[in-house]
Amino acid sequence: MLKSNQCSVKQALTRLIAPIAIAAVTAFLCQPLYMAGGKCDYCILALLIGIPFGIQKMTLWFVPFGYGIAGTVAMFAFDILIGGLIGFFVFAYRIISGILLLTTAVIRLLIRK
């Protein structure tokens, strides 16, 4: 039984560390985009962090075909905005679920000992 608890702690850490690492790398690479005049724009930061988590949803609703070049670029930009917004909430959900999973795994491990 102890081995399964250690596995769940390892799984919880993996589910918590992976999204944080992806968000940190994204924030580091996109720093010139959200740092305007030496100040951080948190709305743009949230959208940029959400893009890797919402990338699957970007072209789900609006597929840009049958438009001119301007309409295609506009629809693509709109898809990126919607994907970043959805991705930010997915990121928040993954962080919260990882924290809850880690907390329950540590509590189970402490109760067993």
Protein backbone atom coordinates (compact mmCIF):
# COMPACT_ATOMS: atom_id res chain seq x y z
CA MET A 1 0.00 0.00 0.00
CA LEU A 2 2.83 2.40 0.76
CA LYS A 3 4.20 2.01 -2.75
CA SER A 4 0.90 3.14 -4.30
CA ASN A 5 0.88 6.22 -2.06
CA GLN A 6 4.39 7.10 -3.18
CA CYS A 7 3.28 6.64 -6.76
CA SER A 8 0.35 8.98 -6.23
CA VAL A 9 2.66 11.62 -4.72
CA LYS A 10 4.93 11.25 -7.74
CA GLN A 11 1.93 11.50 -10.05
CA ALA A 12 0.66 14.59 -8.21
CA LEU A 13 4.03 16.30 -8.48
CA THR A 14 4.18 15.48 -12.19
CA ARG A 15 0.67 16.84 -12.77
CA LEU A 16 1.60 20.02 -10.89
CA ILE A 17 5.13 20.66 -12.14
CA ALA A 18 4.52 20.09 -15.87
CA PRO A 19 1.92 22.89 -16.34
CA ILE A 20 3.98 25.28 -14.22
CA ALA A 21 7.09 24.53 -16.28
CA ILE A 22 5.21 25.04 -19.56
CA ALA A 23 3.79 28.34 -18.29
CA ALA A 24 7.22 29.51 -17.08
CA VAL A 25 8.88 28.74 -20.41
CA THR A 26 6.05 30.47 -22.28
CA ALA A 27 6.28 33.53 -20.02
CA PHE A 28 10.05 33.67 -20.46
CA LEU A 29 9.92 33.39 -24.25
CA CYS A 30 7.07 35.91 -24.63
CA GLN A 31 8.42 38.45 -22.16
CA PRO A 32 8.90 41.23 -24.78
CA LEU A 33 5.23 40.92 -25.74
CA TYR A 34 3.71 41.54 -22.31
CA MET A 35 6.33 43.92 -20.90
CA ALA A 36 5.32 47.32 -22.23
CA GLY A 37 7.41 50.22 -21.01
CA GLY A 38 8.90 48.17 -18.19
CA LYS A 39 5.46 47.30 -16.77
CA CYS A 40 3.79 43.91 -16.95
CA ASP A 41 0.41 43.71 -18.72
CA TYR A 42 -1.24 40.84 -16.86
CA CYS A 43 -4.11 40.41 -19.34
CA ILE A 44 -1.69 39.75 -22.21
CA LEU A 45 0.40 37.54 -19.93
CA ALA A 46 -2.65 35.43 -19.07
CA LEU A 47 -3.56 35.06 -22.75
CA LEU A 48 0.00 34.12 -23.71
CA ILE A 49 0.28 31.54 -20.92
CA GLY A 50 -3.06 30.07 -21.97
CA ILE A 51 -2.07 29.52 -25.61
CA PRO A 52 -0.16 26.23 -25.05
CA PHE A 53 -3.06 24.86 -23.02
CA GLY A 54 -5.79 26.02 -25.39
CA ILE A 55 -4.03 25.33 -28.67
CA GLN A 56 -6.32 22.36 -29.38
CA LYS A 57 -9.38 24.61 -29.17
CA MET A 58 -8.09 27.43 -31.39
CA THR A 59 -9.54 26.26 -34.69
CA LEU A 60 -12.42 24.26 -33.30
CA TRP A 61 -15.20 26.77 -33.89
CA PHE A 62 -14.03 29.15 -36.59
CA VAL A 63 -12.12 27.59 -39.46
CA PRO A 64 -10.95 30.42 -41.73
CA PHE A 65 -11.94 29.40 -45.26
CA GLY A 66 -13.90 31.25 -47.87
CA TYR A 67 -12.56 34.62 -46.72
CA GLY A 68 -10.09 37.01 -48.27
CA ILE A 69 -6.62 37.43 -46.79
CA ALA A 70 -7.82 40.04 -44.28
CA GLY A 71 -10.72 37.88 -43.12
CA THR A 72 -8.47 34.83 -42.77
CA VAL A 73 -5.91 36.74 -40.69
CA ALA A 74 -8.68 38.23 -38.54
CA MET A 75 -10.28 34.83 -37.92
CA PHE A 76 -6.87 33.33 -37.10
CA ALA A 77 -6.21 36.13 -34.58
CA PHE A 78 -9.66 35.62 -33.08
CA ASP A 79 -8.98 31.87 -32.77
CA ILE A 80 -5.70 32.60 -30.96
CA LEU A 81 -7.46 34.96 -28.54
CA ILE A 82 -10.21 32.45 -27.79
CA GLY A 83 -7.65 29.65 -27.46
CA GLY A 84 -5.56 31.73 -25.05
CA LEU A 85 -8.61 32.60 -22.96
CA ILE A 86 -9.82 29.00 -22.77
CA GLY A 87 -6.25 27.81 -22.19
CA PHE A 88 -5.80 30.12 -19.22
CA PHE A 89 -8.80 28.57 -17.51
CA VAL A 90 -7.52 25.08 -18.40
CA PHE A 91 -4.16 26.04 -16.89
CA ALA A 92 -5.83 27.28 -13.71
CA TYR A 93 -7.88 24.08 -13.49
CA ARG A 94 -4.77 21.91 -13.92
CA ILE A 95 -2.91 23.81 -11.22
CA ILE A 96 -5.82 23.59 -8.78
CA SER A 97 -6.38 19.89 -9.48
CA GLY A 98 -2.65 19.22 -9.10
CA ILE A 99 -2.56 21.00 -5.75
CA LEU A 100 -5.61 19.08 -4.53
CA LEU A 101 -4.16 15.77 -5.74
CA LEU A 102 -0.83 16.51 -4.05
CA THR A 103 -2.57 17.50 -0.81
CA THR A 104 -4.67 14.34 -0.70
CA ALA A 105 -1.65 12.16 -1.54
CA VAL A 106 0.44 13.71 1.23
CA ILE A 107 -2.43 13.40 3.73
CA ARG A 108 -2.90 9.72 2.80
CA LEU A 109 0.82 9.15 3.16
CA LEU A 110 0.86 10.78 6.61
CA ILE A 111 -2.24 8.93 7.80
CA ARG A 112 -0.76 5.55 6.80
CA LYS A 113 2.40 6.12 8.84
